[in-house]
Amino acid sequence: MSKSEVKPFAKPDEVREFPLGRLELVKIGGATVGRATFQPGWRWATSVQPLAKTKSCEAPHFQYHVSGVLRVRMDDGTEFDCRAGDVSLLPSGHDAWVVGDVPAVVVDFQGMIDYAKAH
């Protein structure tokens, strides 16, 4: 790292929108960080799977949960909730959906480079 950098999500380098969701990408220090907002009713299988064209989400995620509740079901059947204040590490092979009436907002430090891109 040769210099300090600050970049706001208010001015992202790229924005991707998909049914009931929005992804803002910031490129900084050679990395890409994504902030995703998933509205109530959002589910990966119905909102992003048609773009990804994979059985389940293949993007690994390392994320901080800012708000809302995101329920995750791994391909092996393991299911758990991620809540505001949680940090989660999700390997490839999962589905996820918003629980309740509050949008789920996550900041992802690993898996958003190709997320919600048509393949």
PDB file of N, CA and C in Angstrom:
ATOM      1  N   MET A   1       0.858  -1.169   0.000  1.00  0.00           N
ATOM      2  CA  MET A   1       0.000   0.000   0.000  1.00  0.00           C
ATOM      3  C   MET A   1       0.902   1.230   0.000  1.00  0.00           C
ATOM      4  N   SER A   2       0.696   2.085  -1.003  1.00  0.00           N
ATOM      5  CA  SER A   2       1.570   3.242  -1.109  1.00  0.00           C
ATOM      6  C   SER A   2       0.940   4.540  -0.618  1.00  0.00           C
ATOM      7  N   LYS A   3      -0.388   4.581  -0.537  1.00  0.00           N
ATOM      8  CA  LYS A   3      -1.028   5.821  -0.082  1.00  0.00           C
ATOM      9  C   LYS A   3      -2.361   5.494   0.581  1.00  0.00           C
ATOM     10  N   SER A   4      -2.812   6.416   1.380  1.00  0.00           N
ATOM     11  CA  SER A   4      -4.106   6.220   2.029  1.00  0.00           C
ATOM     12  C   SER A   4      -5.217   6.576   1.045  1.00  0.00           C
ATOM     13  N   GLU A   5      -6.386   5.963   1.261  1.00  0.00           N
ATOM     14  CA  GLU A   5      -7.540   6.215   0.403  1.00  0.00           C
ATOM     15  C   GLU A   5      -8.801   6.216   1.251  1.00  0.00           C
ATOM     16  N   VAL A   6      -9.757   7.022   0.865  1.00  0.00           N
ATOM     17  CA  VAL A   6     -11.087   7.022   1.463  1.00  0.00           C
ATOM     18  C   VAL A   6     -12.070   7.149   0.314  1.00  0.00           C
ATOM     19  N   LYS A   7     -13.052   6.248   0.265  1.00  0.00           N
ATOM     20  CA  LYS A   7     -14.072   6.310  -0.775  1.00  0.00           C
ATOM     21  C   LYS A   7     -15.430   6.073  -0.139  1.00  0.00           C
ATOM     22  N   PRO A   8     -16.398   6.917  -0.454  1.00  0.00           N
ATOM     23  CA  PRO A   8     -17.736   6.751   0.135  1.00  0.00           C
ATOM     24  C   PRO A   8     -18.622   5.825  -0.696  1.00  0.00           C
ATOM     25  N   PHE A   9     -19.460   5.046  -0.020  1.00  0.00           N
ATOM     26  CA  PHE A   9     -20.462   4.258  -0.728  1.00  0.00           C
ATOM     27  C   PHE A   9     -21.492   5.174  -1.394  1.00  0.00           C
ATOM     28  N   ALA A  10     -21.576   6.435  -0.954  1.00  0.00           N
ATOM     29  CA  ALA A  10     -22.504   7.387  -1.574  1.00  0.00           C
ATOM     30  C   ALA A  10     -22.119   7.674  -3.026  1.00  0.00           C
ATOM     31  N   LYS A  11     -20.855   7.423  -3.378  1.00  0.00           N
ATOM     32  CA  LYS A  11     -20.379   7.596  -4.758  1.00  0.00           C
ATOM     33  C   LYS A  11     -19.666   6.318  -5.189  1.00  0.00           C
ATOM     34  N   PRO A  12     -20.419   5.215  -5.376  1.00  0.00           N
ATOM     35  CA  PRO A  12     -19.790   3.943  -5.715  1.00  0.00           C
ATOM     36  C   PRO A  12     -19.190   3.957  -7.117  1.00  0.00           C
ATOM     37  N   ASP A  13     -18.240   3.070  -7.349  1.00  0.00           N
ATOM     38  CA  ASP A  13     -17.643   2.913  -8.672  1.00  0.00           C
ATOM     39  C   ASP A  13     -18.590   2.194  -9.627  1.00  0.00           C
ATOM     40  N   GLU A  14     -19.452   1.347  -9.065  1.00  0.00           N
ATOM     41  CA  GLU A  14     -20.402   0.593  -9.882  1.00  0.00           C
ATOM     42  C   GLU A  14     -21.636   0.288  -9.047  1.00  0.00           C
ATOM     43  N   VAL A  15     -22.794   0.269  -9.710  1.00  0.00           N
ATOM     44  CA  VAL A  15     -24.050  -0.093  -9.058  1.00  0.00           C
ATOM     45  C   VAL A  15     -24.708  -1.178  -9.900  1.00  0.00           C
ATOM     46  N   ARG A  16     -25.177  -2.231  -9.224  1.00  0.00           N
ATOM     47  CA  ARG A  16     -25.957  -3.277  -9.892  1.00  0.00           C
ATOM     48  C   ARG A  16     -27.290  -3.390  -9.179  1.00  0.00           C
ATOM     49  N   GLU A  17     -28.355  -3.372  -9.951  1.00  0.00           N
ATOM     50  CA  GLU A  17     -29.688  -3.526  -9.375  1.00  0.00           C
ATOM     51  C   GLU A  17     -30.289  -4.823  -9.875  1.00  0.00           C
ATOM     52  N   PHE A  18     -31.057  -5.448  -9.032  1.00  0.00           N
ATOM     53  CA  PHE A  18     -31.725  -6.713  -9.337  1.00  0.00           C
ATOM     54  C   PHE A  18     -33.016  -6.717  -8.543  1.00  0.00           C
ATOM     55  N   PRO A  19     -33.955  -7.627  -8.836  1.00  0.00           N
ATOM     56  CA  PRO A  19     -35.242  -7.591  -8.137  1.00  0.00           C
ATOM     57  C   PRO A  19     -35.084  -7.545  -6.611  1.00  0.00           C
ATOM     58  N   LEU A  20     -35.648  -6.515  -6.015  1.00  0.00           N
ATOM     59  CA  LEU A  20     -35.650  -6.290  -4.559  1.00  0.00           C
ATOM     60  C   LEU A  20     -34.259  -6.103  -3.968  1.00  0.00           C
ATOM     61  N   GLY A  21     -33.280  -5.736  -4.804  1.00  0.00           N
ATOM     62  CA  GLY A  21     -31.936  -5.552  -4.265  1.00  0.00           C
ATOM     63  C   GLY A  21     -31.093  -4.583  -5.059  1.00  0.00           C
ATOM     64  N   ARG A  22     -30.039  -4.150  -4.410  1.00  0.00           N
ATOM     65  CA  ARG A  22     -29.093  -3.195  -5.004  1.00  0.00           C
ATOM     66  C   ARG A  22     -27.713  -3.481  -4.429  1.00  0.00           C
ATOM     67  N   LEU A  23     -26.708  -3.436  -5.287  1.00  0.00           N
ATOM     68  CA  LEU A  23     -25.324  -3.636  -4.886  1.00  0.00           C
ATOM     69  C   LEU A  23     -24.512  -2.433  -5.322  1.00  0.00           C
ATOM     70  N   GLU A  24     -23.785  -1.839  -4.372  1.00  0.00           N
ATOM     71  CA  GLU A  24     -22.886  -0.731  -4.653  1.00  0.00           C
ATOM     72  C   GLU A  24     -21.462  -1.225  -4.431  1.00  0.00           C
ATOM     73  N   LEU A  25     -20.607  -1.026  -5.420  1.00  0.00           N
ATOM     74  CA  LEU A  25     -19.230  -1.497  -5.353  1.00  0.00           C
ATOM     75  C   LEU A  25     -18.267  -0.326  -5.287  1.00  0.00           C
ATOM     76  N   VAL A  26     -17.306  -0.433  -4.372  1.00  0.00           N
ATOM     77  CA  VAL A  26     -16.244   0.554  -4.219  1.00  0.00           C
ATOM     78  C   VAL A  26     -14.924  -0.180  -4.404  1.00  0.00           C
ATOM     79  N   LYS A  27     -14.096   0.343  -5.287  1.00  0.00           N
ATOM     80  CA  LYS A  27     -12.767  -0.234  -5.514  1.00  0.00           C
ATOM     81  C   LYS A  27     -11.767   0.636  -4.775  1.00  0.00           C
ATOM     82  N   ILE A  28     -11.021  -0.010  -3.883  1.00  0.00           N
ATOM     83  CA  ILE A  28     -10.089   0.728  -3.032  1.00  0.00           C
ATOM     84  C   ILE A  28      -8.914  -0.174  -2.655  1.00  0.00           C
ATOM     85  N   GLY A  29      -7.708   0.361  -2.767  1.00  0.00           N
ATOM     86  CA  GLY A  29      -6.518  -0.387  -2.367  1.00  0.00           C
ATOM     87  C   GLY A  29      -6.362  -1.719  -3.074  1.00  0.00           C
ATOM     88  N   GLY A  30      -6.804  -1.805  -4.310  1.00  0.00           N
ATOM     89  CA  GLY A  30      -6.696  -3.057  -5.054  1.00  0.00           C
ATOM     90  C   GLY A  30      -7.779  -4.068  -4.723  1.00  0.00           C
ATOM     91  N   ALA A  31      -8.714  -3.708  -3.856  1.00  0.00           N
ATOM     92  CA  ALA A  31      -9.808  -4.611  -3.464  1.00  0.00           C
ATOM     93  C   ALA A  31     -11.140  -4.016  -3.911  1.00  0.00           C
ATOM     94  N   THR A  32     -12.142  -4.863  -3.967  1.00  0.00           N
ATOM     95  CA  THR A  32     -13.502  -4.423  -4.259  1.00  0.00           C
ATOM     96  C   THR A  32     -14.374  -4.772  -3.067  1.00  0.00           C
ATOM     97  N   VAL A  33     -15.023  -3.762  -2.501  1.00  0.00           N
ATOM     98  CA  VAL A  33     -15.910  -3.940  -1.349  1.00  0.00           C
ATOM     99  C   VAL A  33     -17.317  -3.623  -1.833  1.00  0.00           C
ATOM    100  N   GLY A  34     -18.273  -4.466  -1.440  1.00  0.00           N
ATOM    101  CA  GLY A  34     -19.640  -4.262  -1.872  1.00  0.00           C
ATOM    102  C   GLY A  34     -20.583  -4.034  -0.705  1.00  0.00           C
ATOM    103  N   ARG A  35     -21.523  -3.116  -0.900  1.00  0.00           N
ATOM    104  CA  ARG A  35     -22.612  -2.939   0.066  1.00  0.00           C
ATOM    105  C   ARG A  35     -23.893  -3.349  -0.653  1.00  0.00           C
ATOM    106  N   ALA A  36     -24.531  -4.377  -0.115  1.00  0.00           N
ATOM    107  CA  ALA A  36     -25.767  -4.867  -0.708  1.00  0.00           C
ATOM    108  C   ALA A  36     -26.937  -4.537   0.203  1.00  0.00           C
ATOM    109  N   THR A  37     -28.016  -4.093  -0.412  1.00  0.00           N
ATOM    110  CA  THR A  37     -29.261  -3.843   0.301  1.00  0.00           C
ATOM    111  C   THR A  37     -30.306  -4.768  -0.284  1.00  0.00           C
ATOM    112  N   PHE A  38     -30.853  -5.614   0.578  1.00  0.00           N
ATOM    113  CA  PHE A  38     -31.880  -6.579   0.178  1.00  0.00           C
ATOM    114  C   PHE A  38     -33.189  -6.175   0.847  1.00  0.00           C
ATOM    115  N   GLN A  39     -34.210  -5.902   0.044  1.00  0.00           N
ATOM    116  CA  GLN A  39     -35.501  -5.475   0.569  1.00  0.00           C
ATOM    117  C   GLN A  39     -36.298  -6.675   1.095  1.00  0.00           C
ATOM    118  N   PRO A  40     -37.260  -6.424   1.988  1.00  0.00           N
ATOM    119  CA  PRO A  40     -38.144  -7.506   2.436  1.00  0.00           C
ATOM    120  C   PRO A  40     -38.739  -8.228   1.214  1.00  0.00           C
ATOM    121  N   GLY A  41     -38.724  -9.540   1.265  1.00  0.00           N
ATOM    122  CA  GLY A  41     -39.189 -10.357   0.154  1.00  0.00           C
ATOM    123  C   GLY A  41     -38.073 -10.828  -0.763  1.00  0.00           C
ATOM    124  N   TRP A  42     -36.858 -10.241  -0.610  1.00  0.00           N
ATOM    125  CA  TRP A  42     -35.730 -10.661  -1.440  1.00  0.00           C
ATOM    126  C   TRP A  42     -35.296 -12.079  -1.067  1.00  0.00           C
ATOM    127  N   ARG A  43     -34.964 -12.857  -2.084  1.00  0.00           N
ATOM    128  CA  ARG A  43     -34.367 -14.178  -1.903  1.00  0.00           C
ATOM    129  C   ARG A  43     -33.406 -14.407  -3.058  1.00  0.00           C
ATOM    130  N   TRP A  44     -32.234 -14.949  -2.755  1.00  0.00           N
ATOM    131  CA  TRP A  44     -31.241 -15.184  -3.802  1.00  0.00           C
ATOM    132  C   TRP A  44     -31.829 -16.042  -4.914  1.00  0.00           C
ATOM    133  N   ALA A  45     -32.542 -17.102  -4.555  1.00  0.00           N
ATOM    134  CA  ALA A  45     -33.055 -18.062  -5.539  1.00  0.00           C
ATOM    135  C   ALA A  45     -34.007 -17.434  -6.552  1.00  0.00           C
ATOM    136  N   THR A  46     -34.691 -16.368  -6.174  1.00  0.00           N
ATOM    137  CA  THR A  46     -35.634 -15.746  -7.107  1.00  0.00           C
ATOM    138  C   THR A  46     -35.127 -14.413  -7.663  1.00  0.00           C
ATOM    139  N   SER A  47     -34.238 -13.731  -6.957  1.00  0.00           N
ATOM    140  CA  SER A  47     -33.771 -12.416  -7.396  1.00  0.00           C
ATOM    141  C   SER A  47     -32.444 -12.451  -8.146  1.00  0.00           C
ATOM    142  N   VAL A  48     -31.550 -13.342  -7.778  1.00  0.00           N
ATOM    143  CA  VAL A  48     -30.209 -13.349  -8.370  1.00  0.00           C
ATOM    144  C   VAL A  48     -29.935 -14.624  -9.176  1.00  0.00           C
ATOM    145  N   GLN A  49     -30.519 -15.732  -8.788  1.00  0.00           N
ATOM    146  CA  GLN A  49     -30.278 -16.995  -9.499  1.00  0.00           C
ATOM    147  C   GLN A  49     -30.554 -16.898 -11.001  1.00  0.00           C
ATOM    148  N   PRO A  50     -31.603 -16.188 -11.424  1.00  0.00           N
ATOM    149  CA  PRO A  50     -31.807 -16.071 -12.871  1.00  0.00           C
ATOM    150  C   PRO A  50     -30.650 -15.360 -13.592  1.00  0.00           C
ATOM    151  N   LEU A  51     -29.912 -14.508 -12.898  1.00  0.00           N
ATOM    152  CA  LEU A  51     -28.739 -13.860 -13.481  1.00  0.00           C
ATOM    153  C   LEU A  51     -27.512 -14.769 -13.417  1.00  0.00           C
ATOM    154  N   ALA A  52     -27.340 -15.431 -12.274  1.00  0.00           N
ATOM    155  CA  ALA A  52     -26.156 -16.268 -12.043  1.00  0.00           C
ATOM    156  C   ALA A  52     -26.217 -17.576 -12.818  1.00  0.00           C
ATOM    157  N   LYS A  53     -27.422 -18.101 -12.983  1.00  0.00           N
ATOM    158  CA  LYS A  53     -27.639 -19.375 -13.683  1.00  0.00           C
ATOM    159  C   LYS A  53     -26.887 -20.534 -13.032  1.00  0.00           C
ATOM    160  N   THR A  54     -26.833 -20.515 -11.697  1.00  0.00           N
ATOM    161  CA  THR A  54     -26.239 -21.618 -10.942  1.00  0.00           C
ATOM    162  C   THR A  54     -27.290 -22.157  -9.973  1.00  0.00           C
ATOM    163  N   LYS A  55     -27.103 -23.378  -9.502  1.00  0.00           N
ATOM    164  CA  LYS A  55     -28.067 -24.001  -8.590  1.00  0.00           C
ATOM    165  C   LYS A  55     -28.213 -23.204  -7.302  1.00  0.00           C
ATOM    166  N   SER A  56     -27.097 -22.762  -6.762  1.00  0.00           N
ATOM    167  CA  SER A  56     -27.088 -21.949  -5.544  1.00  0.00           C
ATOM    168  C   SER A  56     -26.004 -20.899  -5.697  1.00  0.00           C
ATOM    169  N   CYS A  57     -25.904 -19.992  -4.730  1.00  0.00           N
ATOM    170  CA  CYS A  57     -24.910 -18.923  -4.814  1.00  0.00           C
ATOM    171  C   CYS A  57     -23.510 -19.519  -4.692  1.00  0.00           C
ATOM    172  N   GLU A  58     -22.688 -19.275  -5.682  1.00  0.00           N
ATOM    173  CA  GLU A  58     -21.323 -19.808  -5.684  1.00  0.00           C
ATOM    174  C   GLU A  58     -20.299 -18.793  -5.195  1.00  0.00           C
ATOM    175  N   ALA A  59     -20.755 -17.572  -4.914  1.00  0.00           N
ATOM    176  CA  ALA A  59     -19.827 -16.547  -4.425  1.00  0.00           C
ATOM    177  C   ALA A  59     -19.563 -16.764  -2.937  1.00  0.00           C
ATOM    178  N   PRO A  60     -18.294 -16.910  -2.534  1.00  0.00           N
ATOM    179  CA  PRO A  60     -18.004 -16.955  -1.110  1.00  0.00           C
ATOM    180  C   PRO A  60     -18.116 -15.541  -0.545  1.00  0.00           C
ATOM    181  N   HIS A  61     -18.603 -15.432   0.674  1.00  0.00           N
ATOM    182  CA  HIS A  61     -18.795 -14.104   1.264  1.00  0.00           C
ATOM    183  C   HIS A  61     -18.113 -13.996   2.624  1.00  0.00           C
ATOM    184  N   PHE A  62     -17.529 -12.839   2.868  1.00  0.00           N
ATOM    185  CA  PHE A  62     -16.996 -12.456   4.176  1.00  0.00           C
ATOM    186  C   PHE A  62     -17.610 -11.104   4.425  1.00  0.00           C
ATOM    187  N   GLN A  63     -18.634 -11.048   5.309  1.00  0.00           N
ATOM    188  CA  GLN A  63     -19.452  -9.851   5.377  1.00  0.00           C
ATOM    189  C   GLN A  63     -19.811  -9.420   6.790  1.00  0.00           C
ATOM    190  N   TYR A  64     -20.046  -8.116   6.887  1.00  0.00           N
ATOM    191  CA  TYR A  64     -20.533  -7.505   8.111  1.00  0.00           C
ATOM    192  C   TYR A  64     -21.987  -7.127   7.872  1.00  0.00           C
ATOM    193  N   HIS A  65     -22.859  -7.510   8.805  1.00  0.00           N
ATOM    194  CA  HIS A  65     -24.292  -7.275   8.677  1.00  0.00           C
ATOM    195  C   HIS A  65     -24.651  -5.970   9.389  1.00  0.00           C
ATOM    196  N   VAL A  66     -25.095  -4.991   8.598  1.00  0.00           N
ATOM    197  CA  VAL A  66     -25.384  -3.653   9.096  1.00  0.00           C
ATOM    198  C   VAL A  66     -26.790  -3.564   9.685  1.00  0.00           C
ATOM    199  N   SER A  67     -27.763  -4.168   8.998  1.00  0.00           N
ATOM    200  CA  SER A  67     -29.151  -4.104   9.480  1.00  0.00           C
ATOM    201  C   SER A  67     -29.947  -5.287   8.953  1.00  0.00           C
ATOM    202  N   GLY A  68     -31.098  -5.504   9.576  1.00  0.00           N
ATOM    203  CA  GLY A  68     -32.001  -6.559   9.137  1.00  0.00           C
ATOM    204  C   GLY A  68     -31.534  -7.947   9.529  1.00  0.00           C
ATOM    205  N   VAL A  69     -32.297  -8.932   9.050  1.00  0.00           N
ATOM    206  CA  VAL A  69     -31.980 -10.342   9.302  1.00  0.00           C
ATOM    207  C   VAL A  69     -31.918 -11.062   7.963  1.00  0.00           C
ATOM    208  N   LEU A  70     -30.831 -11.758   7.739  1.00  0.00           N
ATOM    209  CA  LEU A  70     -30.639 -12.555   6.539  1.00  0.00           C
ATOM    210  C   LEU A  70     -30.549 -14.012   6.965  1.00  0.00           C
ATOM    211  N   ARG A  71     -31.478 -14.828   6.489  1.00  0.00           N
ATOM    212  CA  ARG A  71     -31.431 -16.268   6.780  1.00  0.00           C
ATOM    213  C   ARG A  71     -30.663 -16.942   5.654  1.00  0.00           C
ATOM    214  N   VAL A  72     -29.741 -17.820   6.033  1.00  0.00           N
ATOM    215  CA  VAL A  72     -28.885 -18.508   5.078  1.00  0.00           C
ATOM    216  C   VAL A  72     -29.116 -20.007   5.207  1.00  0.00           C
ATOM    217  N   ARG A  73     -29.255 -20.668   4.054  1.00  0.00           N
ATOM    218  CA  ARG A  73     -29.324 -22.132   4.033  1.00  0.00           C
ATOM    219  C   ARG A  73     -28.206 -22.624   3.125  1.00  0.00           C
ATOM    220  N   MET A  74     -27.272 -23.348   3.724  1.00  0.00           N
ATOM    221  CA  MET A  74     -26.169 -23.927   2.976  1.00  0.00           C
ATOM    222  C   MET A  74     -26.679 -25.131   2.179  1.00  0.00           C
ATOM    223  N   ASP A  75     -25.961 -25.509   1.132  1.00  0.00           N
ATOM    224  CA  ASP A  75     -26.379 -26.645   0.310  1.00  0.00           C
ATOM    225  C   ASP A  75     -26.465 -27.941   1.108  1.00  0.00           C
ATOM    226  N   ASP A  76     -25.734 -28.029   2.230  1.00  0.00           N
ATOM    227  CA  ASP A  76     -25.796 -29.242   3.060  1.00  0.00           C
ATOM    228  C   ASP A  76     -27.000 -29.242   4.003  1.00  0.00           C
ATOM    229  N   GLY A  77     -27.846 -28.193   3.939  1.00  0.00           N
ATOM    230  CA  GLY A  77     -29.040 -28.112   4.770  1.00  0.00           C
ATOM    231  C   GLY A  77     -28.882 -27.293   6.034  1.00  0.00           C
ATOM    232  N   THR A  78     -27.659 -26.934   6.401  1.00  0.00           N
ATOM    233  CA  THR A  78     -27.433 -26.084   7.572  1.00  0.00           C
ATOM    234  C   THR A  78     -28.104 -24.736   7.349  1.00  0.00           C
ATOM    235  N   GLU A  79     -28.842 -24.256   8.357  1.00  0.00           N
ATOM    236  CA  GLU A  79     -29.564 -22.989   8.230  1.00  0.00           C
ATOM    237  C   GLU A  79     -29.318 -22.135   9.470  1.00  0.00           C
ATOM    238  N   PHE A  80     -29.130 -20.833   9.266  1.00  0.00           N
ATOM    239  CA  PHE A  80     -28.876 -19.926  10.390  1.00  0.00           C
ATOM    240  C   PHE A  80     -29.240 -18.509   9.979  1.00  0.00           C
ATOM    241  N   ASP A  81     -29.397 -17.644  10.976  1.00  0.00           N
ATOM    242  CA  ASP A  81     -29.710 -16.234  10.744  1.00  0.00           C
ATOM    243  C   ASP A  81     -28.479 -15.382  11.009  1.00  0.00           C
ATOM    244  N   CYS A  82     -28.314 -14.362  10.167  1.00  0.00           N
ATOM    245  CA  CYS A  82     -27.278 -13.350  10.356  1.00  0.00           C
ATOM    246  C   CYS A  82     -28.005 -12.048  10.664  1.00  0.00           C
ATOM    247  N   ARG A  83     -27.625 -11.409  11.772  1.00  0.00           N
ATOM    248  CA  ARG A  83     -28.308 -10.208  12.246  1.00  0.00           C
ATOM    249  C   ARG A  83     -27.353  -9.021  12.285  1.00  0.00           C
ATOM    250  N   ALA A  84     -27.931  -7.831  12.415  1.00  0.00           N
ATOM    251  CA  ALA A  84     -27.128  -6.619  12.511  1.00  0.00           C
ATOM    252  C   ALA A  84     -26.059  -6.796  13.584  1.00  0.00           C
ATOM    253  N   GLY A  85     -24.829  -6.447  13.244  1.00  0.00           N
ATOM    254  CA  GLY A  85     -23.703  -6.578  14.165  1.00  0.00           C
ATOM    255  C   GLY A  85     -22.923  -7.866  13.990  1.00  0.00           C
ATOM    256  N   ASP A  86     -23.471  -8.826  13.231  1.00  0.00           N
ATOM    257  CA  ASP A  86     -22.780 -10.097  12.996  1.00  0.00           C
ATOM    258  C   ASP A  86     -21.760  -9.956  11.872  1.00  0.00           C
ATOM    259  N   VAL A  87     -20.749 -10.809  11.920  1.00  0.00           N
ATOM    260  CA  VAL A  87     -19.805 -11.004  10.834  1.00  0.00           C
ATOM    261  C   VAL A  87     -19.981 -12.447  10.392  1.00  0.00           C
ATOM    262  N   SER A  88     -20.130 -12.664   9.080  1.00  0.00           N
ATOM    263  CA  SER A  88     -20.327 -14.033   8.601  1.00  0.00           C
ATOM    264  C   SER A  88     -19.310 -14.369   7.523  1.00  0.00           C
ATOM    265  N   LEU A  89     -18.973 -15.649   7.477  1.00  0.00           N
ATOM    266  CA  LEU A  89     -18.102 -16.211   6.459  1.00  0.00           C
ATOM    267  C   LEU A  89     -18.886 -17.341   5.815  1.00  0.00           C
ATOM    268  N   LEU A  90     -19.238 -17.162   4.551  1.00  0.00           N
ATOM    269  CA  LEU A  90     -20.072 -18.141   3.855  1.00  0.00           C
ATOM    270  C   LEU A  90     -19.302 -18.703   2.672  1.00  0.00           C
ATOM    271  N   PRO A  91     -19.044 -20.005   2.659  1.00  0.00           N
ATOM    272  CA  PRO A  91     -18.416 -20.597   1.479  1.00  0.00           C
ATOM    273  C   PRO A  91     -19.432 -20.708   0.340  1.00  0.00           C
ATOM    274  N   SER A  92     -18.961 -21.056  -0.823  1.00  0.00           N
ATOM    275  CA  SER A  92     -19.839 -21.287  -1.967  1.00  0.00           C
ATOM    276  C   SER A  92     -20.891 -22.320  -1.618  1.00  0.00           C
ATOM    277  N   GLY A  93     -22.066 -22.179  -2.241  1.00  0.00           N
ATOM    278  CA  GLY A  93     -23.120 -23.175  -2.086  1.00  0.00           C
ATOM    279  C   GLY A  93     -24.138 -22.809  -1.028  1.00  0.00           C
ATOM    280  N   HIS A  94     -24.947 -21.779  -1.284  1.00  0.00           N
ATOM    281  CA  HIS A  94     -25.950 -21.364  -0.308  1.00  0.00           C
ATOM    282  C   HIS A  94     -27.075 -20.583  -0.994  1.00  0.00           C
ATOM    283  N   ASP A  95     -28.181 -20.473  -0.289  1.00  0.00           N
ATOM    284  CA  ASP A  95     -29.284 -19.590  -0.644  1.00  0.00           C
ATOM    285  C   ASP A  95     -29.442 -18.663   0.554  1.00  0.00           C
ATOM    286  N   ALA A  96     -30.086 -17.527   0.372  1.00  0.00           N
ATOM    287  CA  ALA A  96     -30.320 -16.594   1.484  1.00  0.00           C
ATOM    288  C   ALA A  96     -31.562 -15.790   1.179  1.00  0.00           C
ATOM    289  N   TRP A  97     -32.218 -15.302   2.243  1.00  0.00           N
ATOM    290  CA  TRP A  97     -33.404 -14.477   2.072  1.00  0.00           C
ATOM    291  C   TRP A  97     -33.595 -13.582   3.280  1.00  0.00           C
ATOM    292  N   VAL A  98     -34.317 -12.482   3.056  1.00  0.00           N
ATOM    293  CA  VAL A  98     -34.599 -11.516   4.114  1.00  0.00           C
ATOM    294  C   VAL A  98     -35.736 -12.055   4.984  1.00  0.00           C
ATOM    295  N   VAL A  99     -35.551 -11.964   6.295  1.00  0.00           N
ATOM    296  CA  VAL A  99     -36.585 -12.333   7.268  1.00  0.00           C
ATOM    297  C   VAL A  99     -37.123 -11.043   7.867  1.00  0.00           C
ATOM    298  N   GLY A 100     -38.434 -10.856   7.845  1.00  0.00           N
ATOM    299  CA  GLY A 100     -39.044  -9.689   8.468  1.00  0.00           C
ATOM    300  C   GLY A 100     -39.238  -8.537   7.508  1.00  0.00           C
ATOM    301  N   ASP A 101     -39.543  -7.384   8.082  1.00  0.00           N
ATOM    302  CA  ASP A 101     -39.916  -6.194   7.314  1.00  0.00           C
ATOM    303  C   ASP A 101     -38.818  -5.139   7.217  1.00  0.00           C
ATOM    304  N   VAL A 102     -37.624  -5.453   7.666  1.00  0.00           N
ATOM    305  CA  VAL A 102     -36.515  -4.502   7.636  1.00  0.00           C
ATOM    306  C   VAL A 102     -35.529  -4.949   6.551  1.00  0.00           C
ATOM    307  N   PRO A 103     -35.107  -4.033   5.679  1.00  0.00           N
ATOM    308  CA  PRO A 103     -34.110  -4.420   4.681  1.00  0.00           C
ATOM    309  C   PRO A 103     -32.843  -4.958   5.348  1.00  0.00           C
ATOM    310  N   ALA A 104     -32.260  -5.972   4.725  1.00  0.00           N
ATOM    311  CA  ALA A 104     -30.974  -6.497   5.191  1.00  0.00           C
ATOM    312  C   ALA A 104     -29.881  -5.780   4.406  1.00  0.00           C
ATOM    313  N   VAL A 105     -28.946  -5.172   5.128  1.00  0.00           N
ATOM    314  CA  VAL A 105     -27.823  -4.479   4.511  1.00  0.00           C
ATOM    315  C   VAL A 105     -26.548  -5.165   4.972  1.00  0.00           C
ATOM    316  N   VAL A 106     -25.702  -5.541   4.011  1.00  0.00           N
ATOM    317  CA  VAL A 106     -24.431  -6.182   4.338  1.00  0.00           C
ATOM    318  C   VAL A 106     -23.301  -5.484   3.602  1.00  0.00           C
ATOM    319  N   VAL A 107     -22.138  -5.432   4.243  1.00  0.00           N
ATOM    320  CA  VAL A 107     -20.922  -4.972   3.597  1.00  0.00           C
ATOM    321  C   VAL A 107     -20.050  -6.203   3.425  1.00  0.00           C
ATOM    322  N   ASP A 108     -19.729  -6.509   2.172  1.00  0.00           N
ATOM    323  CA  ASP A 108     -19.022  -7.743   1.835  1.00  0.00           C
ATOM    324  C   ASP A 108     -17.613  -7.415   1.360  1.00  0.00           C
ATOM    325  N   PHE A 109     -16.625  -8.058   1.983  1.00  0.00           N
ATOM    326  CA  PHE A 109     -15.226  -7.795   1.677  1.00  0.00           C
ATOM    327  C   PHE A 109     -14.614  -8.835   0.751  1.00  0.00           C
ATOM    328  N   GLN A 110     -15.438  -9.779   0.247  1.00  0.00           N
ATOM    329  CA  GLN A 110     -14.852 -10.848  -0.544  1.00  0.00           C
ATOM    330  C   GLN A 110     -15.628 -11.225  -1.792  1.00  0.00           C
ATOM    331  N   GLY A 111     -16.942 -11.401  -1.700  1.00  0.00           N
ATOM    332  CA  GLY A 111     -17.646 -12.109  -2.760  1.00  0.00           C
ATOM    333  C   GLY A 111     -18.501 -11.309  -3.717  1.00  0.00           C
ATOM    334  N   MET A 112     -18.262 -10.027  -3.894  1.00  0.00           N
ATOM    335  CA  MET A 112     -19.189  -9.239  -4.703  1.00  0.00           C
ATOM    336  C   MET A 112     -18.669  -8.839  -6.085  1.00  0.00           C
ATOM    337  N   ILE A 113     -17.470  -9.224  -6.449  1.00  0.00           N
ATOM    338  CA  ILE A 113     -16.909  -8.797  -7.730  1.00  0.00           C
ATOM    339  C   ILE A 113     -17.815  -9.205  -8.890  1.00  0.00           C
ATOM    340  N   ASP A 114     -18.306 -10.440  -8.902  1.00  0.00           N
ATOM    341  CA  ASP A 114     -19.177 -10.908  -9.979  1.00  0.00           C
ATOM    342  C   ASP A 114     -20.621 -11.085  -9.552  1.00  0.00           C
ATOM    343  N   TYR A 115     -20.972 -10.674  -8.334  1.00  0.00           N
ATOM    344  CA  TYR A 115     -22.307 -10.886  -7.802  1.00  0.00           C
ATOM    345  C   TYR A 115     -23.351 -10.125  -8.606  1.00  0.00           C
ATOM    346  N   ALA A 116     -24.444 -10.801  -8.923  1.00  0.00           N
ATOM    347  CA  ALA A 116     -25.591 -10.209  -9.633  1.00  0.00           C
ATOM    348  C   ALA A 116     -25.196  -9.687 -11.019  1.00  0.00           C
ATOM    349  N   LYS A 117     -24.217 -10.333 -11.623  1.00  0.00           N
ATOM    350  CA  LYS A 117     -23.840 -10.036 -13.002  1.00  0.00           C
ATOM    351  C   LYS A 117     -24.438 -11.114 -13.877  1.00  0.00           C
ATOM    352  N   ALA A 118     -24.981 -10.743 -15.016  1.00  0.00           N
ATOM    353  CA  ALA A 118     -25.517 -11.747 -15.939  1.00  0.00           C
ATOM    354  C   ALA A 118     -24.376 -12.613 -16.468  1.00  0.00           C
ATOM    355  N   HIS A 119     -24.628 -13.926 -16.508  1.00  0.00           N
ATOM    356  CA  HIS A 119     -23.610 -14.868 -17.037  1.00  0.00           C
ATOM    357  C   HIS A 119     -24.141 -15.568 -18.250  1.00  0.00           C
TER     358      HIS A 119
END
